[in-house]
Amino acid sequence: MSGNSRLIIAVIGGSQCNADEARMAEKVGRGLAKRGAVVVCGGLSGVMEAACRGAQAEGGLTIGILPGDSRHSANPYVQLPIVTGMGYARNVIVVKSAQAVIAIGGSYGTLSEIAHALQSGIPVIGLNTWSCAREESPDKLVIPATDPEDAVNKAISLAIG
């Protein structure tokens, strides 16, 4: 497969996460790698590290879009660190590089990534993450997944569309 035809799926979530979110992220990373998808993330700890660890364990490719000025800030499972020096502005690059996004847990940085993806028409699948509502009515923009396997299946299905 050429570089332009490989699926790239973003896995987003907090740099601090609980054990359940880390477990889900690692399973998502494994599942994406088994299906041949490249994992792109923010490159730091927490959900990002767990997803990269899972993908690398299955021989997958991992890309980290780093907020700072040093490639050494990447978690040890990022194979291709991309240094931006852009702080949270790098969130746009993370999601715009992907054909679908899987959000696991997360704080406001994750919420901003979800918003950028949705604004760009990139599907977002959610595991224990933010949901969107307007005037008390859920808009169902973030597609819920029941477990990591369901998240991977939905992301790949929507990415190849």
C-alpha atoms as a PDB file:
ATOM      1  CA  MET A   1       0.000   0.000   0.000  1.00  0.00           C
ATOM      2  CA  SER A   2       1.349   3.434  -0.819  1.00  0.00           C
ATOM      3  CA  GLY A   3       1.646   6.090   1.865  1.00  0.00           C
ATOM      4  CA  ASN A   4      -1.399   7.964   0.542  1.00  0.00           C
ATOM      5  CA  SER A   5      -3.658   4.925   0.576  1.00  0.00           C
ATOM      6  CA  ARG A   6      -2.980   3.716   4.130  1.00  0.00           C
ATOM      7  CA  LEU A   7      -5.654   4.414   6.660  1.00  0.00           C
ATOM      8  CA  ILE A   8      -4.614   6.876   9.340  1.00  0.00           C
ATOM      9  CA  ILE A   9      -6.717   6.874  12.479  1.00  0.00           C
ATOM     10  CA  ALA A  10      -6.191   9.387  15.285  1.00  0.00           C
ATOM     11  CA  VAL A  11      -6.448   8.192  18.864  1.00  0.00           C
ATOM     12  CA  ILE A  12      -7.022  11.106  21.192  1.00  0.00           C
ATOM     13  CA  GLY A  13      -7.333  11.370  24.954  1.00  0.00           C
ATOM     14  CA  GLY A  14      -5.734  12.773  28.033  1.00  0.00           C
ATOM     15  CA  SER A  15      -2.080  12.670  28.985  1.00  0.00           C
ATOM     16  CA  GLN A  16      -3.386  11.462  32.328  1.00  0.00           C
ATOM     17  CA  CYS A  17      -5.921   8.670  32.273  1.00  0.00           C
ATOM     18  CA  ASN A  18      -7.304   5.975  34.518  1.00  0.00           C
ATOM     19  CA  ALA A  19      -6.425   2.286  34.191  1.00  0.00           C
ATOM     20  CA  ASP A  20      -9.617   1.467  32.282  1.00  0.00           C
ATOM     21  CA  GLU A  21      -8.973   4.198  29.705  1.00  0.00           C
ATOM     22  CA  ALA A  22      -5.367   3.014  29.309  1.00  0.00           C
ATOM     23  CA  ARG A  23      -6.566  -0.553  28.790  1.00  0.00           C
ATOM     24  CA  MET A  24      -9.099   0.581  26.176  1.00  0.00           C
ATOM     25  CA  ALA A  25      -6.497   2.722  24.394  1.00  0.00           C
ATOM     26  CA  GLU A  26      -4.010  -0.139  24.227  1.00  0.00           C
ATOM     27  CA  LYS A  27      -6.680  -2.450  22.796  1.00  0.00           C
ATOM     28  CA  VAL A  28      -7.651   0.212  20.257  1.00  0.00           C
ATOM     29  CA  GLY A  29      -3.998   0.589  19.209  1.00  0.00           C
ATOM     30  CA  ARG A  30      -3.654  -3.186  18.838  1.00  0.00           C
ATOM     31  CA  GLY A  31      -6.860  -3.425  16.845  1.00  0.00           C
ATOM     32  CA  LEU A  32      -5.907  -0.615  14.483  1.00  0.00           C
ATOM     33  CA  ALA A  33      -2.465  -2.110  13.843  1.00  0.00           C
ATOM     34  CA  LYS A  34      -3.953  -5.554  13.173  1.00  0.00           C
ATOM     35  CA  ARG A  35      -6.174  -3.941  10.541  1.00  0.00           C
ATOM     36  CA  GLY A  36      -3.204  -2.137   8.936  1.00  0.00           C
ATOM     37  CA  ALA A  37      -4.081   1.380  10.076  1.00  0.00           C
ATOM     38  CA  VAL A  38      -1.473   3.931  11.100  1.00  0.00           C
ATOM     39  CA  VAL A  39      -2.019   5.451  14.562  1.00  0.00           C
ATOM     40  CA  VAL A  40      -1.535   9.201  14.878  1.00  0.00           C
ATOM     41  CA  CYS A  41      -1.807  10.924  18.248  1.00  0.00           C
ATOM     42  CA  GLY A  42      -0.442  13.799  20.301  1.00  0.00           C
ATOM     43  CA  GLY A  43       2.611  11.705  21.155  1.00  0.00           C
ATOM     44  CA  LEU A  44       2.660  12.166  24.925  1.00  0.00           C
ATOM     45  CA  SER A  45       1.672   9.957  27.884  1.00  0.00           C
ATOM     46  CA  GLY A  46      -1.673   8.543  29.048  1.00  0.00           C
ATOM     47  CA  VAL A  47      -4.125   7.484  26.341  1.00  0.00           C
ATOM     48  CA  MET A  48      -1.627   8.427  23.627  1.00  0.00           C
ATOM     49  CA  GLU A  49       1.128   6.237  25.066  1.00  0.00           C
ATOM     50  CA  ALA A  50      -1.208   3.289  25.634  1.00  0.00           C
ATOM     51  CA  ALA A  51      -2.523   3.440  22.058  1.00  0.00           C
ATOM     52  CA  CYS A  52       1.011   3.615  20.655  1.00  0.00           C
ATOM     53  CA  ARG A  53       2.137   0.744  22.899  1.00  0.00           C
ATOM     54  CA  GLY A  54      -0.703  -1.425  21.620  1.00  0.00           C
ATOM     55  CA  ALA A  55      -0.101  -0.537  17.981  1.00  0.00           C
ATOM     56  CA  GLN A  56       3.638  -1.134  18.226  1.00  0.00           C
ATOM     57  CA  ALA A  57       3.070  -4.507  19.929  1.00  0.00           C
ATOM     58  CA  GLU A  58       1.189  -5.595  16.795  1.00  0.00           C
ATOM     59  CA  GLY A  59       3.801  -4.216  14.391  1.00  0.00           C
ATOM     60  CA  GLY A  60       1.862  -1.068  13.570  1.00  0.00           C
ATOM     61  CA  LEU A  61       3.179   2.374  12.693  1.00  0.00           C
ATOM     62  CA  THR A  62       2.796   5.194  15.234  1.00  0.00           C
ATOM     63  CA  ILE A  63       3.072   8.932  14.663  1.00  0.00           C
ATOM     64  CA  GLY A  64       3.195  11.516  17.441  1.00  0.00           C
ATOM     65  CA  ILE A  65       2.388  15.169  16.700  1.00  0.00           C
ATOM     66  CA  LEU A  66       4.231  16.788  19.593  1.00  0.00           C
ATOM     67  CA  PRO A  67       3.269  20.115  21.187  1.00  0.00           C
ATOM     68  CA  GLY A  68       6.780  21.147  22.231  1.00  0.00           C
ATOM     69  CA  ASP A  69      10.191  21.730  20.717  1.00  0.00           C
ATOM     70  CA  SER A  70      11.826  18.363  21.386  1.00  0.00           C
ATOM     71  CA  ARG A  71      11.374  14.949  19.828  1.00  0.00           C
ATOM     72  CA  HIS A  72      12.523  13.549  23.182  1.00  0.00           C
ATOM     73  CA  SER A  73       9.173  14.481  24.760  1.00  0.00           C
ATOM     74  CA  ALA A  74       7.493  11.695  22.764  1.00  0.00           C
ATOM     75  CA  ASN A  75       6.415   8.567  24.555  1.00  0.00           C
ATOM     76  CA  PRO A  76       8.712   5.569  23.933  1.00  0.00           C
ATOM     77  CA  TYR A  77       6.246   3.947  21.514  1.00  0.00           C
ATOM     78  CA  VAL A  78       6.101   6.818  19.006  1.00  0.00           C
ATOM     79  CA  GLN A  79       8.044   5.760  15.937  1.00  0.00           C
ATOM     80  CA  LEU A  80       7.701   8.996  13.967  1.00  0.00           C
ATOM     81  CA  PRO A  81       7.797  12.063  16.230  1.00  0.00           C
ATOM     82  CA  ILE A  82       6.765  15.311  14.575  1.00  0.00           C
ATOM     83  CA  VAL A  83       7.910  18.360  16.535  1.00  0.00           C
ATOM     84  CA  THR A  84       5.642  21.388  16.164  1.00  0.00           C
ATOM     85  CA  GLY A  85       6.425  23.878  18.944  1.00  0.00           C
ATOM     86  CA  MET A  86       2.730  24.795  18.682  1.00  0.00           C
ATOM     87  CA  GLY A  87       1.306  23.707  22.034  1.00  0.00           C
ATOM     88  CA  TYR A  88      -2.382  22.853  21.859  1.00  0.00           C
ATOM     89  CA  ALA A  89      -2.581  24.259  18.324  1.00  0.00           C
ATOM     90  CA  ARG A  90      -1.040  20.960  17.255  1.00  0.00           C
ATOM     91  CA  ASN A  91      -4.450  19.365  17.999  1.00  0.00           C
ATOM     92  CA  VAL A  92      -5.641  20.557  14.604  1.00  0.00           C
ATOM     93  CA  ILE A  93      -2.771  18.690  12.913  1.00  0.00           C
ATOM     94  CA  VAL A  94      -3.503  15.498  14.860  1.00  0.00           C
ATOM     95  CA  VAL A  95      -7.118  15.263  13.720  1.00  0.00           C
ATOM     96  CA  LYS A  96      -6.694  16.707  10.214  1.00  0.00           C
ATOM     97  CA  SER A  97      -4.055  14.031   9.534  1.00  0.00           C
ATOM     98  CA  ALA A  98      -6.614  11.284  10.147  1.00  0.00           C
ATOM     99  CA  GLN A  99      -9.549   9.838   8.248  1.00  0.00           C
ATOM    100  CA  ALA A 100     -11.356   9.054  11.523  1.00  0.00           C
ATOM    101  CA  VAL A 101     -10.808   9.796  15.212  1.00  0.00           C
ATOM    102  CA  ILE A 102     -11.243   7.590  18.263  1.00  0.00           C
ATOM    103  CA  ALA A 103     -11.618   9.635  21.459  1.00  0.00           C
ATOM    104  CA  ILE A 104     -10.975   7.879  24.778  1.00  0.00           C
ATOM    105  CA  GLY A 105     -11.644   9.820  27.981  1.00  0.00           C
ATOM    106  CA  GLY A 106      -9.868  13.153  27.906  1.00  0.00           C
ATOM    107  CA  SER A 107     -10.081  16.698  29.133  1.00  0.00           C
ATOM    108  CA  TYR A 108     -10.420  20.033  27.335  1.00  0.00           C
ATOM    109  CA  GLY A 109      -7.587  19.299  24.900  1.00  0.00           C
ATOM    110  CA  THR A 110      -9.483  16.209  23.767  1.00  0.00           C
ATOM    111  CA  LEU A 111     -12.676  18.245  23.518  1.00  0.00           C
ATOM    112  CA  SER A 112     -10.905  20.728  21.235  1.00  0.00           C
ATOM    113  CA  GLU A 113      -9.693  17.877  19.020  1.00  0.00           C
ATOM    114  CA  ILE A 114     -13.230  16.500  18.820  1.00  0.00           C
ATOM    115  CA  ALA A 115     -14.517  19.938  17.794  1.00  0.00           C
ATOM    116  CA  HIS A 116     -11.830  20.374  15.113  1.00  0.00           C
ATOM    117  CA  ALA A 117     -12.563  16.910  13.703  1.00  0.00           C
ATOM    118  CA  LEU A 118     -16.327  17.461  13.613  1.00  0.00           C
ATOM    119  CA  GLN A 119     -15.898  20.901  12.042  1.00  0.00           C
ATOM    120  CA  SER A 120     -13.777  19.252   9.336  1.00  0.00           C
ATOM    121  CA  GLY A 121     -16.257  16.452   8.685  1.00  0.00           C
ATOM    122  CA  ILE A 122     -13.973  13.789  10.177  1.00  0.00           C
ATOM    123  CA  PRO A 123     -15.964  11.122  12.038  1.00  0.00           C
ATOM    124  CA  VAL A 124     -15.374  10.822  15.787  1.00  0.00           C
ATOM    125  CA  ILE A 125     -15.974   7.592  17.677  1.00  0.00           C
ATOM    126  CA  GLY A 126     -16.150   7.899  21.449  1.00  0.00           C
ATOM    127  CA  LEU A 127     -15.213   5.575  24.315  1.00  0.00           C
ATOM    128  CA  ASN A 128     -15.938   7.057  27.737  1.00  0.00           C
ATOM    129  CA  THR A 129     -15.476  10.570  26.343  1.00  0.00           C
ATOM    130  CA  TRP A 130     -17.291  13.817  25.662  1.00  0.00           C
ATOM    131  CA  SER A 131     -20.714  13.915  24.065  1.00  0.00           C
ATOM    132  CA  CYS A 132     -22.149  16.908  22.281  1.00  0.00           C
ATOM    133  CA  ALA A 133     -25.473  18.567  22.982  1.00  0.00           C
ATOM    134  CA  ARG A 134     -27.128  21.753  21.890  1.00  0.00           C
ATOM    135  CA  GLU A 135     -29.934  23.318  23.868  1.00  0.00           C
ATOM    136  CA  GLU A 136     -30.323  20.209  26.038  1.00  0.00           C
ATOM    137  CA  SER A 137     -30.769  17.964  22.997  1.00  0.00           C
ATOM    138  CA  PRO A 138     -27.958  15.508  22.182  1.00  0.00           C
ATOM    139  CA  ASP A 139     -26.828  15.858  18.577  1.00  0.00           C
ATOM    140  CA  LYS A 140     -25.122  12.450  18.382  1.00  0.00           C
ATOM    141  CA  LEU A 141     -22.123  13.830  16.514  1.00  0.00           C
ATOM    142  CA  VAL A 142     -19.730  11.747  18.600  1.00  0.00           C
ATOM    143  CA  ILE A 143     -20.544   8.160  17.639  1.00  0.00           C
ATOM    144  CA  PRO A 144     -20.583   5.976  20.748  1.00  0.00           C
ATOM    145  CA  ALA A 145     -18.680   2.698  20.809  1.00  0.00           C
ATOM    146  CA  THR A 146     -19.402  -0.126  23.220  1.00  0.00           C
ATOM    147  CA  ASP A 147     -15.805  -1.347  23.508  1.00  0.00           C
ATOM    148  CA  PRO A 148     -12.383  -1.011  21.816  1.00  0.00           C
ATOM    149  CA  GLU A 149     -13.195  -3.532  19.070  1.00  0.00           C
ATOM    150  CA  ASP A 150     -16.416  -1.692  18.229  1.00  0.00           C
ATOM    151  CA  ALA A 151     -14.511   1.618  18.140  1.00  0.00           C
ATOM    152  CA  VAL A 152     -11.905   0.200  15.734  1.00  0.00           C
ATOM    153  CA  ASN A 153     -14.562  -1.334  13.475  1.00  0.00           C
ATOM    154  CA  LYS A 154     -16.569   1.900  13.338  1.00  0.00           C
ATOM    155  CA  ALA A 155     -13.498   4.074  12.734  1.00  0.00           C
ATOM    156  CA  ILE A 156     -12.200   1.925   9.891  1.00  0.00           C
ATOM    157  CA  SER A 157     -15.636   1.558   8.327  1.00  0.00           C
ATOM    158  CA  LEU A 158     -16.216   5.319   8.396  1.00  0.00           C
ATOM    159  CA  ALA A 159     -12.668   6.109   7.236  1.00  0.00           C
ATOM    160  CA  ILE A 160     -12.959   4.003   4.098  1.00  0.00           C
ATOM    161  CA  GLY A 161     -16.500   5.235   3.726  1.00  0.00           C
END
